[in-house]
Amino acid sequence: MILHEILSSKEIIEDDLCYLAEQLGYANPKKGMFMLQRFIKEGSICNWLDNAMYDFKYDSLSFVKAVAEVLGVDIEERLNEVQRYRGMRAKMDNTYIEVDVNFTRTTESIFTLMAVSSKRRVVFDKEALVDKSDEEIFEAIGLVVKKHYEETKGELAIWGKIVGYTYYHIDKNAYAFDAKGLLTRVE
């Protein structure tokens, strides 16, 4: 965050960005200024690294390191923290909540079932669970499950009555929740 604070401060003017672009080794200062302004606009190092770029001079990570070096800011600890956070967030991408129903197919076509299969997945804010303990995650999942059950009134169109929920966690285990959001078993 310190790089963004320095570059976004009121004291930094266009001439400073031009000088900084030259210090970064850009032959065309306008290209360097564009990259600096884009970096500032991202708002954080994490966002900058998420939106990977390469401008024939730097990639996202080497750009951050170069800016820090020119500004005389030690950024290694912060970069390690950001990389750890991004790694945890990537692991959370593989987690999901699936709605359990007692569905028996009768006259529904495969295409219809495919079209509504996403209704059996509960959407939740995975990023809010990064850096949380398992206990905190299960508590949050319980609240999501309870809210979903109340919003759907315990039934999904075509699929029928909801009998429970299964949360697939980063530890590769499946955790069953009842409609009240209580953890009932580990599969």
N, C-alpha and C. Protein backbone atom coordinates (compact mmCIF):
# COMPACT_ATOMS: atom_id res chain seq x y z
N MET A 1 0.83 -1.19 0.00
CA MET A 1 0.00 0.00 0.00
C MET A 1 0.87 1.24 0.00
N ILE A 2 2.06 1.16 0.57
CA ILE A 2 2.89 2.36 0.69
C ILE A 2 3.26 2.94 -0.67
N LEU A 3 3.47 2.09 -1.68
CA LEU A 3 3.79 2.61 -3.01
C LEU A 3 2.63 3.42 -3.56
N HIS A 4 1.42 2.92 -3.37
CA HIS A 4 0.25 3.65 -3.85
C HIS A 4 0.07 4.96 -3.09
N GLU A 5 0.37 4.94 -1.80
CA GLU A 5 0.26 6.17 -1.00
C GLU A 5 1.24 7.22 -1.50
N ILE A 6 2.46 6.80 -1.78
CA ILE A 6 3.47 7.74 -2.28
C ILE A 6 3.06 8.28 -3.64
N LEU A 7 2.71 7.39 -4.56
CA LEU A 7 2.40 7.80 -5.92
C LEU A 7 1.07 8.55 -6.03
N SER A 8 0.16 8.34 -5.09
CA SER A 8 -1.14 9.00 -5.14
C SER A 8 -1.18 10.30 -4.35
N SER A 9 -0.10 10.60 -3.66
CA SER A 9 -0.11 11.80 -2.82
C SER A 9 -0.25 13.05 -3.67
N LYS A 10 -0.76 14.09 -3.06
CA LYS A 10 -1.02 15.35 -3.76
C LYS A 10 0.27 16.01 -4.25
N GLU A 11 1.38 15.70 -3.58
CA GLU A 11 2.65 16.33 -3.94
C GLU A 11 3.23 15.80 -5.25
N ILE A 12 2.80 14.60 -5.64
CA ILE A 12 3.30 14.01 -6.88
C ILE A 12 2.60 14.70 -8.05
N ILE A 13 3.37 15.23 -8.93
CA ILE A 13 2.81 15.89 -10.11
C ILE A 13 3.28 15.14 -11.35
N GLU A 14 2.77 15.54 -12.49
CA GLU A 14 3.06 14.84 -13.73
C GLU A 14 4.57 14.81 -14.03
N ASP A 15 5.27 15.89 -13.71
CA ASP A 15 6.72 15.93 -13.93
C ASP A 15 7.42 14.86 -13.11
N ASP A 16 6.92 14.62 -11.89
CA ASP A 16 7.51 13.59 -11.03
C ASP A 16 7.31 12.20 -11.64
N LEU A 17 6.12 11.97 -12.19
CA LEU A 17 5.85 10.68 -12.82
C LEU A 17 6.73 10.50 -14.06
N CYS A 18 6.93 11.58 -14.79
CA CYS A 18 7.79 11.53 -15.97
C CYS A 18 9.22 11.19 -15.55
N TYR A 19 9.71 11.84 -14.50
CA TYR A 19 11.06 11.58 -13.99
C TYR A 19 11.16 10.13 -13.50
N LEU A 20 10.12 9.67 -12.78
CA LEU A 20 10.11 8.30 -12.28
C LEU A 20 10.12 7.30 -13.44
N ALA A 21 9.37 7.60 -14.49
CA ALA A 21 9.35 6.73 -15.67
C ALA A 21 10.73 6.64 -16.29
N GLU A 22 11.43 7.75 -16.34
CA GLU A 22 12.80 7.74 -16.87
C GLU A 22 13.72 6.92 -15.98
N GLN A 23 13.55 7.06 -14.65
CA GLN A 23 14.36 6.29 -13.70
C GLN A 23 14.09 4.79 -13.81
N LEU A 24 12.89 4.45 -14.24
CA LEU A 24 12.54 3.04 -14.42
C LEU A 24 13.12 2.48 -15.71
N GLY A 25 13.70 3.33 -16.52
CA GLY A 25 14.37 2.88 -17.73
C GLY A 25 13.52 2.89 -18.98
N TYR A 26 12.40 3.56 -18.94
CA TYR A 26 11.56 3.64 -20.13
C TYR A 26 12.18 4.63 -21.12
N ALA A 27 12.37 4.19 -22.35
CA ALA A 27 12.90 5.07 -23.40
C ALA A 27 11.86 6.12 -23.76
N ASN A 28 10.61 5.73 -23.70
CA ASN A 28 9.50 6.65 -23.96
C ASN A 28 8.81 6.93 -22.62
N PRO A 29 9.05 8.10 -22.02
CA PRO A 29 8.47 8.41 -20.71
C PRO A 29 6.94 8.33 -20.69
N LYS A 30 6.30 8.58 -21.82
CA LYS A 30 4.83 8.50 -21.85
C LYS A 30 4.36 7.08 -21.55
N LYS A 31 5.07 6.09 -22.08
CA LYS A 31 4.73 4.70 -21.81
C LYS A 31 4.90 4.39 -20.33
N GLY A 32 5.99 4.87 -19.75
CA GLY A 32 6.23 4.68 -18.32
C GLY A 32 5.20 5.39 -17.47
N MET A 33 4.83 6.61 -17.86
CA MET A 33 3.82 7.35 -17.12
C MET A 33 2.47 6.65 -17.20
N PHE A 34 2.16 6.09 -18.37
CA PHE A 34 0.92 5.34 -18.53
C PHE A 34 0.88 4.16 -17.56
N MET A 35 2.00 3.43 -17.48
CA MET A 35 2.06 2.28 -16.58
C MET A 35 1.96 2.71 -15.12
N LEU A 36 2.60 3.81 -14.76
CA LEU A 36 2.52 4.31 -13.39
C LEU A 36 1.09 4.73 -13.05
N GLN A 37 0.42 5.40 -13.97
CA GLN A 37 -0.96 5.82 -13.73
C GLN A 37 -1.88 4.61 -13.63
N ARG A 38 -1.62 3.62 -14.43
CA ARG A 38 -2.40 2.39 -14.36
C ARG A 38 -2.18 1.68 -13.03
N PHE A 39 -0.94 1.68 -12.57
CA PHE A 39 -0.59 1.08 -11.28
C PHE A 39 -1.32 1.81 -10.15
N ILE A 40 -1.32 3.12 -10.19
CA ILE A 40 -2.02 3.92 -9.17
C ILE A 40 -3.51 3.61 -9.20
N LYS A 41 -4.07 3.52 -10.39
CA LYS A 41 -5.50 3.28 -10.55
C LYS A 41 -5.92 1.94 -9.97
N GLU A 42 -5.06 0.94 -10.03
CA GLU A 42 -5.39 -0.39 -9.49
C GLU A 42 -5.67 -0.33 -8.00
N GLY A 43 -5.01 0.57 -7.28
CA GLY A 43 -5.31 0.77 -5.88
C GLY A 43 -4.56 -0.10 -4.89
N SER A 44 -4.04 -1.23 -5.34
CA SER A 44 -3.26 -2.08 -4.44
C SER A 44 -2.33 -2.98 -5.26
N ILE A 45 -1.30 -3.45 -4.61
CA ILE A 45 -0.36 -4.35 -5.28
C ILE A 45 -1.07 -5.65 -5.66
N CYS A 46 -1.96 -6.12 -4.79
CA CYS A 46 -2.69 -7.36 -5.07
C CYS A 46 -3.52 -7.22 -6.35
N ASN A 47 -4.25 -6.13 -6.48
CA ASN A 47 -5.04 -5.91 -7.70
C ASN A 47 -4.13 -5.83 -8.92
N TRP A 48 -3.01 -5.13 -8.78
CA TRP A 48 -2.06 -5.00 -9.89
C TRP A 48 -1.55 -6.36 -10.34
N LEU A 49 -1.19 -7.21 -9.39
CA LEU A 49 -0.68 -8.53 -9.74
C LEU A 49 -1.78 -9.43 -10.30
N ASP A 50 -3.02 -9.24 -9.84
CA ASP A 50 -4.14 -10.02 -10.37
C ASP A 50 -4.39 -9.72 -11.83
N ASN A 51 -4.21 -8.48 -12.22
CA ASN A 51 -4.43 -8.06 -13.61
C ASN A 51 -3.09 -8.04 -14.33
N ALA A 52 -2.52 -9.21 -14.48
CA ALA A 52 -1.18 -9.37 -15.03
C ALA A 52 -1.00 -8.60 -16.33
N MET A 53 0.18 -8.03 -16.47
CA MET A 53 0.51 -7.28 -17.68
C MET A 53 1.98 -7.46 -18.00
N TYR A 54 2.32 -7.10 -19.20
CA TYR A 54 3.70 -7.10 -19.66
C TYR A 54 3.81 -6.02 -20.71
N ASP A 55 4.76 -5.11 -20.54
CA ASP A 55 4.87 -3.98 -21.47
C ASP A 55 6.20 -3.96 -22.23
N PHE A 56 6.79 -5.13 -22.41
CA PHE A 56 8.08 -5.30 -23.08
C PHE A 56 9.25 -4.75 -22.27
N LYS A 57 8.97 -4.21 -21.10
CA LYS A 57 10.01 -3.75 -20.19
C LYS A 57 9.90 -4.53 -18.88
N TYR A 58 8.70 -4.57 -18.34
CA TYR A 58 8.45 -5.23 -17.05
C TYR A 58 7.18 -6.07 -17.12
N ASP A 59 7.16 -7.14 -16.31
CA ASP A 59 5.89 -7.79 -16.03
C ASP A 59 5.35 -7.17 -14.74
N SER A 60 4.19 -7.60 -14.28
CA SER A 60 3.55 -6.97 -13.12
C SER A 60 4.45 -6.95 -11.89
N LEU A 61 5.02 -8.11 -11.57
CA LEU A 61 5.84 -8.21 -10.36
C LEU A 61 7.14 -7.42 -10.47
N SER A 62 7.83 -7.55 -11.59
CA SER A 62 9.09 -6.82 -11.73
C SER A 62 8.86 -5.31 -11.78
N PHE A 63 7.70 -4.88 -12.27
CA PHE A 63 7.36 -3.45 -12.27
C PHE A 63 7.25 -2.94 -10.84
N VAL A 64 6.54 -3.68 -9.99
CA VAL A 64 6.38 -3.28 -8.58
C VAL A 64 7.75 -3.20 -7.90
N LYS A 65 8.58 -4.20 -8.13
CA LYS A 65 9.91 -4.22 -7.52
C LYS A 65 10.76 -3.04 -8.02
N ALA A 66 10.66 -2.73 -9.30
CA ALA A 66 11.44 -1.63 -9.86
C ALA A 66 10.98 -0.28 -9.29
N VAL A 67 9.67 -0.09 -9.19
CA VAL A 67 9.14 1.16 -8.62
C VAL A 67 9.60 1.30 -7.17
N ALA A 68 9.52 0.22 -6.42
CA ALA A 68 9.95 0.25 -5.02
C ALA A 68 11.43 0.59 -4.91
N GLU A 69 12.23 0.00 -5.78
CA GLU A 69 13.67 0.26 -5.75
C GLU A 69 13.97 1.72 -6.07
N VAL A 70 13.32 2.28 -7.08
CA VAL A 70 13.56 3.68 -7.45
C VAL A 70 13.12 4.61 -6.33
N LEU A 71 12.00 4.27 -5.66
CA LEU A 71 11.49 5.11 -4.57
C LEU A 71 12.22 4.84 -3.25
N GLY A 72 13.04 3.80 -3.21
CA GLY A 72 13.78 3.48 -1.99
C GLY A 72 12.91 2.87 -0.91
N VAL A 73 11.93 2.10 -1.32
CA VAL A 73 11.00 1.47 -0.38
C VAL A 73 11.27 -0.03 -0.35
N ASP A 74 11.42 -0.59 0.87
CA ASP A 74 11.60 -2.04 1.01
C ASP A 74 10.22 -2.69 0.93
N ILE A 75 10.01 -3.45 -0.11
CA ILE A 75 8.69 -3.99 -0.41
C ILE A 75 8.62 -5.51 -0.28
N GLU A 76 9.73 -6.17 -0.01
CA GLU A 76 9.77 -7.63 -0.02
C GLU A 76 8.79 -8.26 0.97
N GLU A 77 8.72 -7.74 2.18
CA GLU A 77 7.80 -8.31 3.18
C GLU A 77 6.36 -8.18 2.70
N ARG A 78 6.02 -7.02 2.16
CA ARG A 78 4.67 -6.79 1.66
C ARG A 78 4.37 -7.71 0.47
N LEU A 79 5.33 -7.90 -0.41
CA LEU A 79 5.14 -8.79 -1.56
C LEU A 79 4.90 -10.23 -1.11
N ASN A 80 5.64 -10.67 -0.10
CA ASN A 80 5.45 -12.02 0.43
C ASN A 80 4.04 -12.17 1.01
N GLU A 81 3.60 -11.14 1.71
CA GLU A 81 2.26 -11.14 2.29
C GLU A 81 1.19 -11.20 1.19
N VAL A 82 1.37 -10.41 0.15
CA VAL A 82 0.43 -10.39 -0.97
C VAL A 82 0.42 -11.74 -1.68
N GLN A 83 1.59 -12.32 -1.90
CA GLN A 83 1.66 -13.62 -2.59
C GLN A 83 0.99 -14.71 -1.75
N ARG A 84 1.17 -14.66 -0.44
CA ARG A 84 0.54 -15.64 0.45
C ARG A 84 -0.98 -15.49 0.39
N TYR A 85 -1.45 -14.25 0.43
CA TYR A 85 -2.89 -13.97 0.34
C TYR A 85 -3.46 -14.46 -0.99
N ARG A 86 -2.76 -14.18 -2.07
CA ARG A 86 -3.23 -14.61 -3.39
C ARG A 86 -3.27 -16.13 -3.49
N GLY A 87 -2.31 -16.80 -2.86
CA GLY A 87 -2.30 -18.26 -2.85
C GLY A 87 -3.49 -18.83 -2.09
N MET A 88 -3.80 -18.24 -0.94
CA MET A 88 -4.96 -18.67 -0.16
C MET A 88 -6.26 -18.41 -0.93
N ARG A 89 -6.33 -17.27 -1.57
CA ARG A 89 -7.52 -16.93 -2.35
C ARG A 89 -7.70 -17.91 -3.52
N ALA A 90 -6.59 -18.30 -4.13
CA ALA A 90 -6.66 -19.27 -5.23
C ALA A 90 -7.18 -20.62 -4.73
N LYS A 91 -6.76 -21.02 -3.54
CA LYS A 91 -7.27 -22.27 -2.96
C LYS A 91 -8.76 -22.17 -2.71
N MET A 92 -9.22 -20.98 -2.27
CA MET A 92 -10.65 -20.80 -1.98
C MET A 92 -11.49 -20.88 -3.26
N ASP A 93 -10.88 -20.65 -4.41
CA ASP A 93 -11.63 -20.74 -5.66
C ASP A 93 -12.18 -22.14 -5.90
N ASN A 94 -11.55 -23.14 -5.29
CA ASN A 94 -11.99 -24.53 -5.48
C ASN A 94 -13.04 -24.96 -4.47
N THR A 95 -13.47 -24.06 -3.60
CA THR A 95 -14.49 -24.40 -2.62
C THR A 95 -15.87 -24.02 -3.17
N TYR A 96 -16.86 -24.76 -2.76
CA TYR A 96 -18.23 -24.43 -3.17
C TYR A 96 -19.24 -25.11 -2.25
N ILE A 97 -20.46 -24.62 -2.33
CA ILE A 97 -21.57 -25.19 -1.56
C ILE A 97 -22.57 -25.74 -2.56
N GLU A 98 -22.92 -27.00 -2.37
CA GLU A 98 -23.89 -27.64 -3.25
C GLU A 98 -25.16 -27.95 -2.45
N VAL A 99 -26.30 -27.69 -3.06
CA VAL A 99 -27.58 -27.95 -2.42
C VAL A 99 -27.93 -29.43 -2.62
N ASP A 100 -28.27 -30.09 -1.52
CA ASP A 100 -28.67 -31.50 -1.60
C ASP A 100 -30.19 -31.56 -1.68
N VAL A 101 -30.68 -32.30 -2.67
CA VAL A 101 -32.12 -32.48 -2.86
C VAL A 101 -32.40 -33.96 -3.11
N ASN A 102 -33.62 -34.37 -2.83
CA ASN A 102 -34.04 -35.74 -3.17
C ASN A 102 -34.74 -35.67 -4.52
N PHE A 103 -33.94 -35.62 -5.57
CA PHE A 103 -34.48 -35.46 -6.91
C PHE A 103 -34.51 -36.80 -7.61
N THR A 104 -35.64 -37.09 -8.21
CA THR A 104 -35.78 -38.27 -9.06
C THR A 104 -36.26 -37.78 -10.41
N ARG A 105 -35.49 -38.10 -11.42
CA ARG A 105 -35.83 -37.64 -12.77
C ARG A 105 -37.03 -38.39 -13.30
N THR A 106 -37.96 -37.61 -13.83
CA THR A 106 -39.14 -38.23 -14.44
C THR A 106 -39.22 -37.83 -15.91
N THR A 107 -39.72 -36.64 -16.19
CA THR A 107 -39.89 -36.22 -17.58
C THR A 107 -38.94 -35.10 -17.99
N GLU A 108 -38.06 -34.68 -17.12
CA GLU A 108 -37.17 -33.56 -17.42
C GLU A 108 -36.09 -33.99 -18.42
N SER A 109 -35.90 -33.16 -19.41
CA SER A 109 -34.86 -33.47 -20.39
C SER A 109 -33.48 -33.15 -19.80
N ILE A 110 -32.48 -33.78 -20.36
CA ILE A 110 -31.10 -33.53 -19.93
C ILE A 110 -30.75 -32.06 -20.11
N PHE A 111 -31.22 -31.46 -21.19
CA PHE A 111 -30.91 -30.05 -21.46
C PHE A 111 -31.52 -29.13 -20.41
N THR A 112 -32.73 -29.45 -19.97
CA THR A 112 -33.38 -28.66 -18.92
C THR A 112 -32.59 -28.77 -17.63
N LEU A 113 -32.19 -29.97 -17.29
CA LEU A 113 -31.43 -30.19 -16.06
C LEU A 113 -30.08 -29.49 -16.12
N MET A 114 -29.45 -29.52 -17.28
CA MET A 114 -28.18 -28.81 -17.44
C MET A 114 -28.37 -27.31 -17.27
N ALA A 115 -29.48 -26.80 -17.81
CA ALA A 115 -29.74 -25.36 -17.75
C ALA A 115 -29.97 -24.88 -16.32
N VAL A 116 -30.52 -25.73 -15.47
CA VAL A 116 -30.82 -25.31 -14.09
C VAL A 116 -29.85 -25.91 -13.07
N SER A 117 -28.83 -26.60 -13.54
CA SER A 117 -27.90 -27.23 -12.60
C SER A 117 -27.17 -26.20 -11.73
N SER A 118 -26.98 -24.99 -12.25
CA SER A 118 -26.29 -23.96 -11.46
C SER A 118 -27.11 -23.55 -10.25
N LYS A 119 -28.39 -23.80 -10.25
CA LYS A 119 -29.24 -23.46 -9.10
C LYS A 119 -28.90 -24.31 -7.89
N ARG A 120 -28.18 -25.39 -8.11
CA ARG A 120 -27.79 -26.25 -6.99
C ARG A 120 -26.48 -25.82 -6.34
N ARG A 121 -25.89 -24.77 -6.86
CA ARG A 121 -24.68 -24.20 -6.25
C ARG A 121 -25.06 -22.89 -5.58
N VAL A 122 -24.60 -22.71 -4.36
CA VAL A 122 -24.87 -21.49 -3.61
C VAL A 122 -23.68 -20.56 -3.77
N VAL A 123 -23.96 -19.34 -4.19
CA VAL A 123 -22.91 -18.34 -4.38
C VAL A 123 -22.62 -17.66 -3.04
N PHE A 124 -21.34 -17.52 -2.72
CA PHE A 124 -20.96 -16.83 -1.49
C PHE A 124 -19.64 -16.11 -1.71
N ASP A 125 -19.34 -15.19 -0.82
CA ASP A 125 -18.13 -14.37 -0.94
C ASP A 125 -16.92 -15.15 -0.42
N LYS A 126 -16.22 -15.78 -1.34
CA LYS A 126 -15.07 -16.61 -0.96
C LYS A 126 -13.91 -15.77 -0.44
N GLU A 127 -13.76 -14.58 -0.99
CA GLU A 127 -12.64 -13.73 -0.58
C GLU A 127 -12.75 -13.33 0.90
N ALA A 128 -13.97 -13.24 1.40
CA ALA A 128 -14.16 -12.89 2.81
C ALA A 128 -13.68 -14.00 3.74
N LEU A 129 -13.50 -15.20 3.21
CA LEU A 129 -13.08 -16.33 4.03
C LEU A 129 -11.58 -16.58 4.01
N VAL A 130 -10.86 -15.83 3.19
CA VAL A 130 -9.41 -15.97 3.14
C VAL A 130 -8.83 -15.53 4.49
N ASP A 131 -7.87 -16.25 4.98
CA ASP A 131 -7.21 -15.98 6.26
C ASP A 131 -8.10 -16.21 7.47
N LYS A 132 -9.15 -16.99 7.30
CA LYS A 132 -10.02 -17.33 8.43
C LYS A 132 -9.69 -18.75 8.89
N SER A 133 -9.93 -19.01 10.16
CA SER A 133 -9.73 -20.37 10.66
C SER A 133 -10.87 -21.25 10.15
N ASP A 134 -10.68 -22.56 10.22
CA ASP A 134 -11.74 -23.48 9.78
C ASP A 134 -13.03 -23.24 10.55
N GLU A 135 -12.90 -22.99 11.83
CA GLU A 135 -14.08 -22.73 12.66
C GLU A 135 -14.85 -21.50 12.17
N GLU A 136 -14.13 -20.44 11.85
CA GLU A 136 -14.76 -19.22 11.34
C GLU A 136 -15.38 -19.47 9.96
N ILE A 137 -14.70 -20.26 9.14
CA ILE A 137 -15.23 -20.58 7.81
C ILE A 137 -16.53 -21.36 7.94
N PHE A 138 -16.54 -22.38 8.80
CA PHE A 138 -17.75 -23.20 8.95
C PHE A 138 -18.90 -22.38 9.52
N GLU A 139 -18.59 -21.46 10.40
CA GLU A 139 -19.62 -20.58 10.94
C GLU A 139 -20.21 -19.69 9.84
N ALA A 140 -19.34 -19.14 9.01
CA ALA A 140 -19.79 -18.29 7.89
C ALA A 140 -20.60 -19.10 6.88
N ILE A 141 -20.16 -20.31 6.58
CA ILE A 141 -20.88 -21.18 5.64
C ILE A 141 -22.24 -21.52 6.21
N GLY A 142 -22.31 -21.77 7.51
CA GLY A 142 -23.59 -22.04 8.16
C GLY A 142 -24.57 -20.89 7.98
N LEU A 143 -24.09 -19.67 8.11
CA LEU A 143 -24.95 -18.49 7.92
C LEU A 143 -25.42 -18.37 6.47
N VAL A 144 -24.52 -18.66 5.53
CA VAL A 144 -24.87 -18.61 4.10
C VAL A 144 -25.95 -19.65 3.80
N VAL A 145 -25.76 -20.85 4.33
CA VAL A 145 -26.71 -21.94 4.12
C VAL A 145 -28.08 -21.58 4.68
N LYS A 146 -28.09 -21.09 5.90
CA LYS A 146 -29.35 -20.72 6.56
C LYS A 146 -30.09 -19.65 5.76
N LYS A 147 -29.35 -18.64 5.31
CA LYS A 147 -29.94 -17.56 4.52
C LYS A 147 -30.50 -18.08 3.20
N HIS A 148 -29.74 -18.95 2.54
CA HIS A 148 -30.19 -19.53 1.26
C HIS A 148 -31.48 -20.31 1.46
N TYR A 149 -31.53 -21.11 2.51
CA TYR A 149 -32.73 -21.92 2.77
C TYR A 149 -33.95 -21.03 3.00
N GLU A 150 -33.76 -19.96 3.76
CA GLU A 150 -34.86 -19.03 4.02
C GLU A 150 -35.30 -18.31 2.74
N GLU A 151 -34.34 -17.89 1.92
CA GLU A 151 -34.66 -17.17 0.68
C GLU A 151 -35.40 -18.05 -0.32
N THR A 152 -35.06 -19.33 -0.36
CA THR A 152 -35.69 -20.24 -1.32
C THR A 152 -36.92 -20.93 -0.74
N LYS A 153 -37.19 -20.67 0.54
CA LYS A 153 -38.31 -21.31 1.24
C LYS A 153 -38.17 -22.83 1.21
N GLY A 154 -36.94 -23.31 1.19
CA GLY A 154 -36.67 -24.74 1.28
C GLY A 154 -36.92 -25.55 0.04
N GLU A 155 -37.02 -24.86 -1.11
CA GLU A 155 -37.30 -25.61 -2.34
C GLU A 155 -36.63 -24.94 -3.54
N LEU A 156 -36.12 -25.77 -4.44
CA LEU A 156 -35.54 -25.29 -5.69
C LEU A 156 -36.41 -25.73 -6.85
N ALA A 157 -36.68 -24.80 -7.75
CA ALA A 157 -37.50 -25.13 -8.92
C ALA A 157 -36.90 -26.33 -9.65
N ILE A 158 -37.72 -27.21 -10.08
CA ILE A 158 -37.39 -28.47 -10.77
C ILE A 158 -36.74 -29.47 -9.82
N TRP A 159 -35.80 -29.04 -9.02
CA TRP A 159 -35.04 -29.97 -8.17
C TRP A 159 -35.85 -30.46 -6.97
N GLY A 160 -36.77 -29.65 -6.48
CA GLY A 160 -37.60 -30.06 -5.35
C GLY A 160 -37.12 -29.54 -4.00
N LYS A 161 -37.52 -30.24 -2.95
CA LYS A 161 -37.23 -29.81 -1.58
C LYS A 161 -35.75 -29.97 -1.25
N ILE A 162 -35.25 -28.97 -0.52
CA ILE A 162 -33.85 -28.99 -0.07
C ILE A 162 -33.77 -29.85 1.18
N VAL A 163 -32.86 -30.82 1.17
CA VAL A 163 -32.68 -31.69 2.34
C VAL A 163 -31.40 -31.36 3.11
N GLY A 164 -30.53 -30.57 2.51
CA GLY A 164 -29.29 -30.20 3.18
C GLY A 164 -28.34 -29.53 2.20
N TYR A 165 -27.14 -29.31 2.69
CA TYR A 165 -26.12 -28.64 1.89
C TYR A 165 -24.79 -29.34 2.13
N THR A 166 -23.95 -29.35 1.11
CA THR A 166 -22.61 -29.91 1.26
C THR A 166 -21.61 -28.83 0.86
N TYR A 167 -20.69 -28.56 1.78
CA TYR A 167 -19.64 -27.58 1.53
C TYR A 167 -18.35 -28.34 1.24
N TYR A 168 -17.74 -28.06 0.08
CA TYR A 168 -16.48 -28.69 -0.31
C TYR A 168 -15.36 -27.71 0.05
N HIS A 169 -14.59 -28.10 1.03
CA HIS A 169 -13.58 -27.24 1.66
C HIS A 169 -12.21 -27.40 1.00
N ILE A 170 -11.29 -26.48 1.31
CA ILE A 170 -9.94 -26.52 0.72
C ILE A 170 -9.16 -27.75 1.16
N ASP A 171 -9.57 -28.40 2.26
CA ASP A 171 -8.88 -29.60 2.71
C ASP A 171 -9.35 -30.86 1.97
N LYS A 172 -10.18 -30.66 0.93
CA LYS A 172 -10.69 -31.73 0.06
C LYS A 172 -11.76 -32.59 0.74
N ASN A 173 -12.21 -32.19 1.93
CA ASN A 173 -13.29 -32.90 2.59
C ASN A 173 -14.61 -32.22 2.27
N ALA A 174 -15.68 -32.99 2.38
CA ALA A 174 -17.03 -32.47 2.19
C ALA A 174 -17.69 -32.39 3.56
N TYR A 175 -18.28 -31.25 3.85
CA TYR A 175 -18.92 -31.00 5.14
C TYR A 175 -20.41 -30.80 4.91
N ALA A 176 -21.23 -31.63 5.57
CA ALA A 176 -22.68 -31.55 5.41
C ALA A 176 -23.27 -30.59 6.43
N PHE A 177 -24.19 -29.74 5.95
CA PHE A 177 -24.90 -28.79 6.80
C PHE A 177 -26.39 -29.04 6.65
N ASP A 178 -27.12 -28.86 7.75
CA ASP A 178 -28.58 -28.94 7.64
C ASP A 178 -29.14 -27.58 7.25
N ALA A 179 -30.46 -27.51 7.12
CA ALA A 179 -31.11 -26.28 6.67
C ALA A 179 -30.97 -25.14 7.68
N LYS A 180 -30.65 -25.46 8.93
CA LYS A 180 -30.47 -24.43 9.95
C LYS A 180 -29.05 -23.89 9.97
N GLY A 181 -28.19 -24.43 9.10
CA GLY A 181 -26.81 -23.97 9.03
C GLY A 181 -25.88 -24.67 10.00
N LEU A 182 -26.31 -25.77 10.56
CA LEU A 182 -25.49 -26.50 11.53
C LEU A 182 -24.69 -27.59 10.82
N LEU A 183 -23.44 -27.71 11.16
CA LEU A 183 -22.58 -28.74 10.59
C LEU A 183 -23.04 -30.09 11.16
N THR A 184 -23.37 -31.03 10.27
CA THR A 184 -23.91 -32.32 10.75
C THR A 184 -22.91 -33.46 10.60
N ARG A 185 -22.09 -33.42 9.56
CA ARG A 185 -21.12 -34.51 9.40
C ARG A 185 -20.03 -34.11 8.41
N VAL A 186 -18.92 -34.88 8.47
CA VAL A 186 -17.80 -34.71 7.54
C VAL A 186 -17.75 -35.96 6.68
N GLU A 187 -17.70 -35.76 5.37
CA GLU A 187 -17.68 -36.92 4.47
C GLU A 187 -16.30 -37.13 3.92
